[in-house]
PDB file of N, CA and C in Angstrom:
ATOM      1  N   MET A   1      84.754  80.226 -13.828  1.00  0.00           N
ATOM      2  CA  MET A   1      85.700  81.324 -13.740  1.00  0.00           C
ATOM      3  C   MET A   1      86.797  81.186 -14.801  1.00  0.00           C
ATOM      4  N   GLU A   2      87.316  79.968 -14.941  1.00  0.00           N
ATOM      5  CA  GLU A   2      88.385  79.736 -15.897  1.00  0.00           C
ATOM      6  C   GLU A   2      87.919  79.956 -17.329  1.00  0.00           C
ATOM      7  N   SER A   3      86.698  79.537 -17.643  1.00  0.00           N
ATOM      8  CA  SER A   3      86.201  79.721 -19.014  1.00  0.00           C
ATOM      9  C   SER A   3      85.954  81.197 -19.315  1.00  0.00           C
ATOM     10  N   MET A   4      85.611  81.978 -18.301  1.00  0.00           N
ATOM     11  CA  MET A   4      85.411  83.402 -18.517  1.00  0.00           C
ATOM     12  C   MET A   4      86.736  84.083 -18.865  1.00  0.00           C
ATOM     13  N   ILE A   5      87.794  83.686 -18.211  1.00  0.00           N
ATOM     14  CA  ILE A   5      89.116  84.248 -18.504  1.00  0.00           C
ATOM     15  C   ILE A   5      89.544  83.865 -19.914  1.00  0.00           C
ATOM     16  N   ILE A   6      89.295  82.628 -20.287  1.00  0.00           N
ATOM     17  CA  ILE A   6      89.632  82.178 -21.641  1.00  0.00           C
ATOM     18  C   ILE A   6      88.822  82.947 -22.671  1.00  0.00           C
ATOM     19  N   ASP A   7      87.531  83.185 -22.397  1.00  0.00           N
ATOM     20  CA  ASP A   7      86.688  83.960 -23.311  1.00  0.00           C
ATOM     21  C   ASP A   7      87.215  85.382 -23.481  1.00  0.00           C
ATOM     22  N   ILE A   8      87.666  85.993 -22.397  1.00  0.00           N
ATOM     23  CA  ILE A   8      88.205  87.354 -22.472  1.00  0.00           C
ATOM     24  C   ILE A   8      89.482  87.372 -23.299  1.00  0.00           C
ATOM     25  N   ILE A   9      90.356  86.401 -23.052  1.00  0.00           N
ATOM     26  CA  ILE A   9      91.614  86.337 -23.810  1.00  0.00           C
ATOM     27  C   ILE A   9      91.331  86.104 -25.291  1.00  0.00           C
ATOM     28  N   LEU A  10      90.424  85.182 -25.596  1.00  0.00           N
ATOM     29  CA  LEU A  10      90.069  84.938 -26.998  1.00  0.00           C
ATOM     30  C   LEU A  10      89.447  86.176 -27.636  1.00  0.00           C
ATOM     31  N   GLY A  11      88.622  86.895 -26.888  1.00  0.00           N
ATOM     32  CA  GLY A  11      88.026  88.123 -27.400  1.00  0.00           C
ATOM     33  C   GLY A  11      89.076  89.164 -27.734  1.00  0.00           C
ATOM     34  N   LEU A  12      90.089  89.276 -26.883  1.00  0.00           N
ATOM     35  CA  LEU A  12      91.163  90.231 -27.148  1.00  0.00           C
ATOM     36  C   LEU A  12      91.994  89.813 -28.360  1.00  0.00           C
ATOM     37  N   VAL A  13      92.259  88.513 -28.476  1.00  0.00           N
ATOM     38  CA  VAL A  13      93.027  88.021 -29.622  1.00  0.00           C
ATOM     39  C   VAL A  13      92.238  88.218 -30.914  1.00  0.00           C
ATOM     40  N   PHE A  14      90.953  87.824 -30.904  1.00  0.00           N
ATOM     41  CA  PHE A  14      90.113  88.022 -32.098  1.00  0.00           C
ATOM     42  C   PHE A  14      89.996  89.503 -32.435  1.00  0.00           C
ATOM     43  N   GLY A  15      89.837  90.339 -31.412  1.00  0.00           N
ATOM     44  CA  GLY A  15      89.749  91.780 -31.643  1.00  0.00           C
ATOM     45  C   GLY A  15      91.013  92.340 -32.261  1.00  0.00           C
ATOM     46  N   GLY A  16      92.164  91.887 -31.757  1.00  0.00           N
ATOM     47  CA  GLY A  16      93.435  92.337 -32.320  1.00  0.00           C
ATOM     48  C   GLY A  16      93.603  91.913 -33.760  1.00  0.00           C
ATOM     49  N   LEU A  17      93.260  90.661 -34.049  1.00  0.00           N
ATOM     50  CA  LEU A  17      93.336  90.173 -35.437  1.00  0.00           C
ATOM     51  C   LEU A  17      92.334  90.912 -36.329  1.00  0.00           C
ATOM     52  N   ALA A  18      91.162  91.175 -35.789  1.00  0.00           N
ATOM     53  CA  ALA A  18      90.152  91.910 -36.561  1.00  0.00           C
ATOM     54  C   ALA A  18      90.634  93.322 -36.869  1.00  0.00           C
ATOM     55  N   GLY A  19      91.260  93.970 -35.904  1.00  0.00           N
ATOM     56  CA  GLY A  19      91.802  95.309 -36.134  1.00  0.00           C
ATOM     57  C   GLY A  19      92.887  95.299 -37.197  1.00  0.00           C
ATOM     58  N   PHE A  20      93.731  94.265 -37.164  1.00  0.00           N
ATOM     59  CA  PHE A  20      94.773  94.136 -38.179  1.00  0.00           C
ATOM     60  C   PHE A  20      94.165  93.944 -39.560  1.00  0.00           C
ATOM     61  N   CYS A  21      93.198  93.028 -39.664  1.00  0.00           N
ATOM     62  CA  CYS A  21      92.534  92.766 -40.950  1.00  0.00           C
ATOM     63  C   CYS A  21      91.796  94.004 -41.452  1.00  0.00           C
ATOM     64  N   ALA A  22      91.120  94.685 -40.546  1.00  0.00           N
ATOM     65  CA  ALA A  22      90.381  95.895 -40.936  1.00  0.00           C
ATOM     66  C   ALA A  22      91.332  96.974 -41.431  1.00  0.00           C
ATOM     67  N   SER A  23      92.500  97.094 -40.799  1.00  0.00           N
ATOM     68  CA  SER A  23      93.458  98.107 -41.248  1.00  0.00           C
ATOM     69  C   SER A  23      93.957  97.801 -42.659  1.00  0.00           C
ATOM     70  N   LYS A  24      94.097  96.512 -42.980  1.00  0.00           N
ATOM     71  CA  LYS A  24      94.515  96.131 -44.331  1.00  0.00           C
ATOM     72  C   LYS A  24      93.387  96.384 -45.337  1.00  0.00           C
ATOM     73  N   LEU A  25      92.143  96.077 -44.951  1.00  0.00           N
ATOM     74  CA  LEU A  25      91.000  96.304 -45.842  1.00  0.00           C
ATOM     75  C   LEU A  25      90.786  97.793 -46.104  1.00  0.00           C
ATOM     76  N   MET A  26      90.982  98.600 -45.071  1.00  0.00           N
ATOM     77  CA  MET A  26      90.733 100.037 -45.184  1.00  0.00           C
ATOM     78  C   MET A  26      91.990 100.803 -45.616  1.00  0.00           C
ATOM     79  N   LYS A  27      93.089 100.077 -45.838  1.00  0.00           N
ATOM     80  CA  LYS A  27      94.369 100.701 -46.205  1.00  0.00           C
ATOM     81  C   LYS A  27      94.702 101.827 -45.232  1.00  0.00           C
ATOM     82  N   ASP A  28      94.746 101.453 -43.957  1.00  0.00           N
ATOM     83  CA  ASP A  28      94.949 102.407 -42.885  1.00  0.00           C
ATOM     84  C   ASP A  28      96.330 102.230 -42.279  1.00  0.00           C
ATOM     85  N   SER A  29      96.908 103.296 -41.815  1.00  0.00           N
ATOM     86  CA  SER A  29      98.239 103.212 -41.206  1.00  0.00           C
ATOM     87  C   SER A  29      98.279 103.948 -39.873  1.00  0.00           C
ATOM     88  N   ASN A  30      97.292 103.688 -39.019  1.00  0.00           N
ATOM     89  CA  ASN A  30      97.263 104.326 -37.701  1.00  0.00           C
ATOM     90  C   ASN A  30      98.339 103.792 -36.781  1.00  0.00           C
ATOM     91  N   GLY A  31      98.817 102.621 -37.041  1.00  0.00           N
ATOM     92  CA  GLY A  31      99.755 101.960 -36.150  1.00  0.00           C
ATOM     93  C   GLY A  31      99.095 100.727 -35.556  1.00  0.00           C
ATOM     94  N   ILE A  32      99.895  99.772 -35.208  1.00  0.00           N
ATOM     95  CA  ILE A  32      99.363  98.480 -34.785  1.00  0.00           C
ATOM     96  C   ILE A  32      98.569  98.581 -33.488  1.00  0.00           C
ATOM     97  N   ILE A  33      99.016  99.390 -32.550  1.00  0.00           N
ATOM     98  CA  ILE A  33      98.317  99.497 -31.264  1.00  0.00           C
ATOM     99  C   ILE A  33      96.936 100.109 -31.456  1.00  0.00           C
ATOM    100  N   VAL A  34      96.852 101.179 -32.225  1.00  0.00           N
ATOM    101  CA  VAL A  34      95.555 101.817 -32.486  1.00  0.00           C
ATOM    102  C   VAL A  34      94.636 100.851 -33.210  1.00  0.00           C
ATOM    103  N   ASN A  35      95.158 100.119 -34.186  1.00  0.00           N
ATOM    104  CA  ASN A  35      94.333  99.177 -34.935  1.00  0.00           C
ATOM    105  C   ASN A  35      93.836  98.032 -34.051  1.00  0.00           C
ATOM    106  N   ILE A  36      94.670  97.562 -33.150  1.00  0.00           N
ATOM    107  CA  ILE A  36      94.238  96.515 -32.228  1.00  0.00           C
ATOM    108  C   ILE A  36      93.134  97.038 -31.324  1.00  0.00           C
ATOM    109  N   ILE A  37      93.306  98.242 -30.810  1.00  0.00           N
ATOM    110  CA  ILE A  37      92.272  98.834 -29.946  1.00  0.00           C
ATOM    111  C   ILE A  37      90.978  99.029 -30.730  1.00  0.00           C
ATOM    112  N   LEU A  38      91.085  99.534 -31.967  1.00  0.00           N
ATOM    113  CA  LEU A  38      89.889  99.706 -32.789  1.00  0.00           C
ATOM    114  C   LEU A  38      89.230  98.365 -33.090  1.00  0.00           C
ATOM    115  N   GLY A  39      90.029  97.323 -33.264  1.00  0.00           N
ATOM    116  CA  GLY A  39      89.478  95.987 -33.500  1.00  0.00           C
ATOM    117  C   GLY A  39      88.733  95.455 -32.289  1.00  0.00           C
ATOM    118  N   ILE A  40      89.307  95.636 -31.112  1.00  0.00           N
ATOM    119  CA  ILE A  40      88.656  95.174 -29.886  1.00  0.00           C
ATOM    120  C   ILE A  40      87.366  95.939 -29.647  1.00  0.00           C
ATOM    121  N   VAL A  41      87.425  97.252 -29.748  1.00  0.00           N
ATOM    122  CA  VAL A  41      86.222  98.068 -29.543  1.00  0.00           C
ATOM    123  C   VAL A  41      85.202  97.802 -30.652  1.00  0.00           C
ATOM    124  N   GLY A  42      85.677  97.659 -31.886  1.00  0.00           N
ATOM    125  CA  GLY A  42      84.781  97.353 -33.005  1.00  0.00           C
ATOM    126  C   GLY A  42      84.067  96.031 -32.818  1.00  0.00           C
ATOM    127  N   GLY A  43      84.786  95.038 -32.310  1.00  0.00           N
ATOM    128  CA  GLY A  43      84.159  93.746 -32.029  1.00  0.00           C
ATOM    129  C   GLY A  43      83.098  93.861 -30.950  1.00  0.00           C
ATOM    130  N   PHE A  44      83.394  94.646 -29.930  1.00  0.00           N
ATOM    131  CA  PHE A  44      82.423  94.862 -28.858  1.00  0.00           C
ATOM    132  C   PHE A  44      81.172  95.562 -29.379  1.00  0.00           C
ATOM    133  N   VAL A  45      81.383  96.632 -30.149  1.00  0.00           N
ATOM    134  CA  VAL A  45      80.255  97.395 -30.708  1.00  0.00           C
ATOM    135  C   VAL A  45      79.435  96.529 -31.665  1.00  0.00           C
ATOM    136  N   ALA A  46      80.117  95.784 -32.523  1.00  0.00           N
ATOM    137  CA  ALA A  46      79.404  94.908 -33.465  1.00  0.00           C
ATOM    138  C   ALA A  46      78.615  93.847 -32.714  1.00  0.00           C
ATOM    139  N   GLY A  47      79.195  93.302 -31.641  1.00  0.00           N
ATOM    140  CA  GLY A  47      78.481  92.325 -30.823  1.00  0.00           C
ATOM    141  C   GLY A  47      77.236  92.901 -30.193  1.00  0.00           C
ATOM    142  N   LEU A  48      77.333  94.141 -29.713  1.00  0.00           N
ATOM    143  CA  LEU A  48      76.162  94.805 -29.133  1.00  0.00           C
ATOM    144  C   LEU A  48      75.075  95.029 -30.176  1.00  0.00           C
ATOM    145  N   ILE A  49      75.474  95.512 -31.335  1.00  0.00           N
ATOM    146  CA  ILE A  49      74.493  95.790 -32.392  1.00  0.00           C
ATOM    147  C   ILE A  49      73.832  94.500 -32.866  1.00  0.00           C
ATOM    148  N   LEU A  50      74.635  93.462 -33.082  1.00  0.00           N
ATOM    149  CA  LEU A  50      74.061  92.184 -33.516  1.00  0.00           C
ATOM    150  C   LEU A  50      73.162  91.590 -32.433  1.00  0.00           C
ATOM    151  N   GLY A  51      73.515  91.789 -31.184  1.00  0.00           N
ATOM    152  CA  GLY A  51      72.677  91.324 -30.091  1.00  0.00           C
ATOM    153  C   GLY A  51      71.336  92.035 -30.057  1.00  0.00           C
ATOM    154  N   LEU A  52      71.330  93.318 -30.398  1.00  0.00           N
ATOM    155  CA  LEU A  52      70.085  94.088 -30.409  1.00  0.00           C
ATOM    156  C   LEU A  52      69.125  93.627 -31.493  1.00  0.00           C
ATOM    157  N   VAL A  53      69.688  93.148 -32.613  1.00  0.00           N
ATOM    158  CA  VAL A  53      68.829  92.680 -33.703  1.00  0.00           C
ATOM    159  C   VAL A  53      68.606  91.172 -33.651  1.00  0.00           C
ATOM    160  N   GLY A  54      69.101  90.537 -32.582  1.00  0.00           N
ATOM    161  CA  GLY A  54      68.841  89.118 -32.384  1.00  0.00           C
ATOM    162  C   GLY A  54      69.789  88.178 -33.091  1.00  0.00           C
ATOM    163  N   LEU A  55      70.952  88.659 -33.506  1.00  0.00           N
ATOM    164  CA  LEU A  55      71.901  87.805 -34.218  1.00  0.00           C
ATOM    165  C   LEU A  55      73.141  87.490 -33.384  1.00  0.00           C
ATOM    166  N   ASN A  56      73.046  87.647 -32.083  1.00  0.00           N
ATOM    167  CA  ASN A  56      74.226  87.361 -31.265  1.00  0.00           C
ATOM    168  C   ASN A  56      74.523  85.863 -31.291  1.00  0.00           C
ATOM    169  N   GLY A  57      75.766  85.538 -31.484  1.00  0.00           N
ATOM    170  CA  GLY A  57      76.175  84.140 -31.538  1.00  0.00           C
ATOM    171  C   GLY A  57      75.972  83.485 -32.885  1.00  0.00           C
ATOM    172  N   ALA A  58      75.429  84.218 -33.847  1.00  0.00           N
ATOM    173  CA  ALA A  58      75.200  83.628 -35.174  1.00  0.00           C
ATOM    174  C   ALA A  58      76.540  83.405 -35.864  1.00  0.00           C
ATOM    175  N   GLY A  59      76.772  82.204 -36.317  1.00  0.00           N
ATOM    176  CA  GLY A  59      77.982  81.901 -37.050  1.00  0.00           C
ATOM    177  C   GLY A  59      79.145  81.471 -36.186  1.00  0.00           C
ATOM    178  N   GLY A  60      78.973  81.414 -34.893  1.00  0.00           N
ATOM    179  CA  GLY A  60      80.037  80.969 -34.001  1.00  0.00           C
ATOM    180  C   GLY A  60      81.246  81.880 -34.039  1.00  0.00           C
ATOM    181  N   ALA A  61      82.428  81.282 -33.937  1.00  0.00           N
ATOM    182  CA  ALA A  61      83.670  82.050 -33.883  1.00  0.00           C
ATOM    183  C   ALA A  61      83.931  82.796 -35.187  1.00  0.00           C
ATOM    184  N   ILE A  62      83.635  82.160 -36.315  1.00  0.00           N
ATOM    185  CA  ILE A  62      83.871  82.812 -37.611  1.00  0.00           C
ATOM    186  C   ILE A  62      82.935  84.009 -37.780  1.00  0.00           C
ATOM    187  N   GLY A  63      81.681  83.841 -37.407  1.00  0.00           N
ATOM    188  CA  GLY A  63      80.732  84.948 -37.482  1.00  0.00           C
ATOM    189  C   GLY A  63      81.130  86.096 -36.573  1.00  0.00           C
ATOM    190  N   SER A  64      81.610  85.770 -35.383  1.00  0.00           N
ATOM    191  CA  SER A  64      82.067  86.806 -34.455  1.00  0.00           C
ATOM    192  C   SER A  64      83.277  87.542 -35.012  1.00  0.00           C
ATOM    193  N   PHE A  65      84.172  86.798 -35.646  1.00  0.00           N
ATOM    194  CA  PHE A  65      85.351  87.426 -36.229  1.00  0.00           C
ATOM    195  C   PHE A  65      84.969  88.367 -37.360  1.00  0.00           C
ATOM    196  N   ILE A  66      84.064  87.922 -38.229  1.00  0.00           N
ATOM    197  CA  ILE A  66      83.608  88.767 -39.338  1.00  0.00           C
ATOM    198  C   ILE A  66      82.923  90.019 -38.796  1.00  0.00           C
ATOM    199  N   ALA A  67      82.101  89.853 -37.762  1.00  0.00           N
ATOM    200  CA  ALA A  67      81.442  91.005 -37.145  1.00  0.00           C
ATOM    201  C   ALA A  67      82.476  91.956 -36.555  1.00  0.00           C
ATOM    202  N   SER A  68      83.527  91.409 -35.948  1.00  0.00           N
ATOM    203  CA  SER A  68      84.586  92.243 -35.376  1.00  0.00           C
ATOM    204  C   SER A  68      85.319  93.027 -36.455  1.00  0.00           C
ATOM    205  N   VAL A  69      85.599  92.374 -37.585  1.00  0.00           N
ATOM    206  CA  VAL A  69      86.267  93.065 -38.688  1.00  0.00           C
ATOM    207  C   VAL A  69      85.378  94.192 -39.216  1.00  0.00           C
ATOM    208  N   LEU A  70      84.097  93.913 -39.394  1.00  0.00           N
ATOM    209  CA  LEU A  70      83.175  94.953 -39.878  1.00  0.00           C
ATOM    210  C   LEU A  70      83.071  96.095 -38.880  1.00  0.00           C
ATOM    211  N   GLY A  71      82.995  95.755 -37.594  1.00  0.00           N
ATOM    212  CA  GLY A  71      82.949  96.794 -36.561  1.00  0.00           C
ATOM    213  C   GLY A  71      84.216  97.633 -36.554  1.00  0.00           C
ATOM    214  N   ALA A  72      85.368  96.981 -36.701  1.00  0.00           N
ATOM    215  CA  ALA A  72      86.638  97.712 -36.736  1.00  0.00           C
ATOM    216  C   ALA A  72      86.729  98.596 -37.981  1.00  0.00           C
ATOM    217  N   CYS A  73      86.243  98.105 -39.121  1.00  0.00           N
ATOM    218  CA  CYS A  73      86.220  98.931 -40.344  1.00  0.00           C
ATOM    219  C   CYS A  73      85.367 100.174 -40.118  1.00  0.00           C
ATOM    220  N   GLY A  74      84.228  99.981 -39.478  1.00  0.00           N
ATOM    221  CA  GLY A  74      83.366 101.129 -39.173  1.00  0.00           C
ATOM    222  C   GLY A  74      84.052 102.129 -38.264  1.00  0.00           C
ATOM    223  N   LEU A  75      84.759 101.631 -37.265  1.00  0.00           N
ATOM    224  CA  LEU A  75      85.459 102.538 -36.357  1.00  0.00           C
ATOM    225  C   LEU A  75      86.641 103.224 -37.031  1.00  0.00           C
ATOM    226  N   ILE A  76      87.331 102.531 -37.920  1.00  0.00           N
ATOM    227  CA  ILE A  76      88.416 103.173 -38.668  1.00  0.00           C
ATOM    228  C   ILE A  76      87.849 104.287 -39.540  1.00  0.00           C
ATOM    229  N   TYR A  77      86.697 104.043 -40.145  1.00  0.00           N
ATOM    230  CA  TYR A  77      86.039 105.087 -40.955  1.00  0.00           C
ATOM    231  C   TYR A  77      85.712 106.307 -40.096  1.00  0.00           C
ATOM    232  N   VAL A  78      85.111 106.067 -38.946  1.00  0.00           N
ATOM    233  CA  VAL A  78      84.764 107.169 -38.036  1.00  0.00           C
ATOM    234  C   VAL A  78      86.037 107.863 -37.550  1.00  0.00           C
ATOM    235  N   TRP A  79      87.064 107.090 -37.227  1.00  0.00           N
ATOM    236  CA  TRP A  79      88.349 107.628 -36.774  1.00  0.00           C
ATOM    237  C   TRP A  79      88.921 108.584 -37.817  1.00  0.00           C
ATOM    238  N   ARG A  80      88.855 108.184 -39.087  1.00  0.00           N
ATOM    239  CA  ARG A  80      89.351 109.040 -40.172  1.00  0.00           C
ATOM    240  C   ARG A  80      88.553 110.332 -40.261  1.00  0.00           C
ATOM    241  N   LYS A  81      87.232 110.231 -40.130  1.00  0.00           N
ATOM    242  CA  LYS A  81      86.382 111.413 -40.233  1.00  0.00           C
ATOM    243  C   LYS A  81      86.637 112.378 -39.077  1.00  0.00           C
ATOM    244  N   VAL A  82      86.846 111.814 -37.893  1.00  0.00           N
ATOM    245  CA  VAL A  82      87.109 112.670 -36.721  1.00  0.00           C
ATOM    246  C   VAL A  82      88.452 113.373 -36.864  1.00  0.00           C
ATOM    247  N   LEU A  83      89.464 112.643 -37.332  1.00  0.00           N
ATOM    248  CA  LEU A  83      90.786 113.219 -37.499  1.00  0.00           C
ATOM    249  C   LEU A  83      90.971 113.902 -38.858  1.00  0.00           C
ATOM    250  N   LYS A  84      89.963 113.776 -39.722  1.00  0.00           N
ATOM    251  CA  LYS A  84      89.957 114.382 -41.066  1.00  0.00           C
ATOM    252  C   LYS A  84      91.181 113.986 -41.866  1.00  0.00           C
ATOM    253  N   LYS A  85      91.434 112.660 -41.929  1.00  0.00           N
ATOM    254  CA  LYS A  85      92.573 112.163 -42.717  1.00  0.00           C
ATOM    255  C   LYS A  85      92.154 111.969 -44.149  1.00  0.00           C
TER     256      LYS A  85
END
């Protein structure tokens, strides 16, 4: 139970950092809260996609972080297209 809580907290922290990094890579100014949410959701989506192709857990924490950043970049791109920025 305790390790599951730690995993959730680490996932949120990594997602928030990934959203921040993705916002800098994409030169985005949605605001820190939106970027953190996009990072968390992007990490989740990237994890699902990598799991479907059999790459879940590849690269450990660093690989998960990179996947989260890529997922957040993808979501920022979609976010821009939806809002037509």
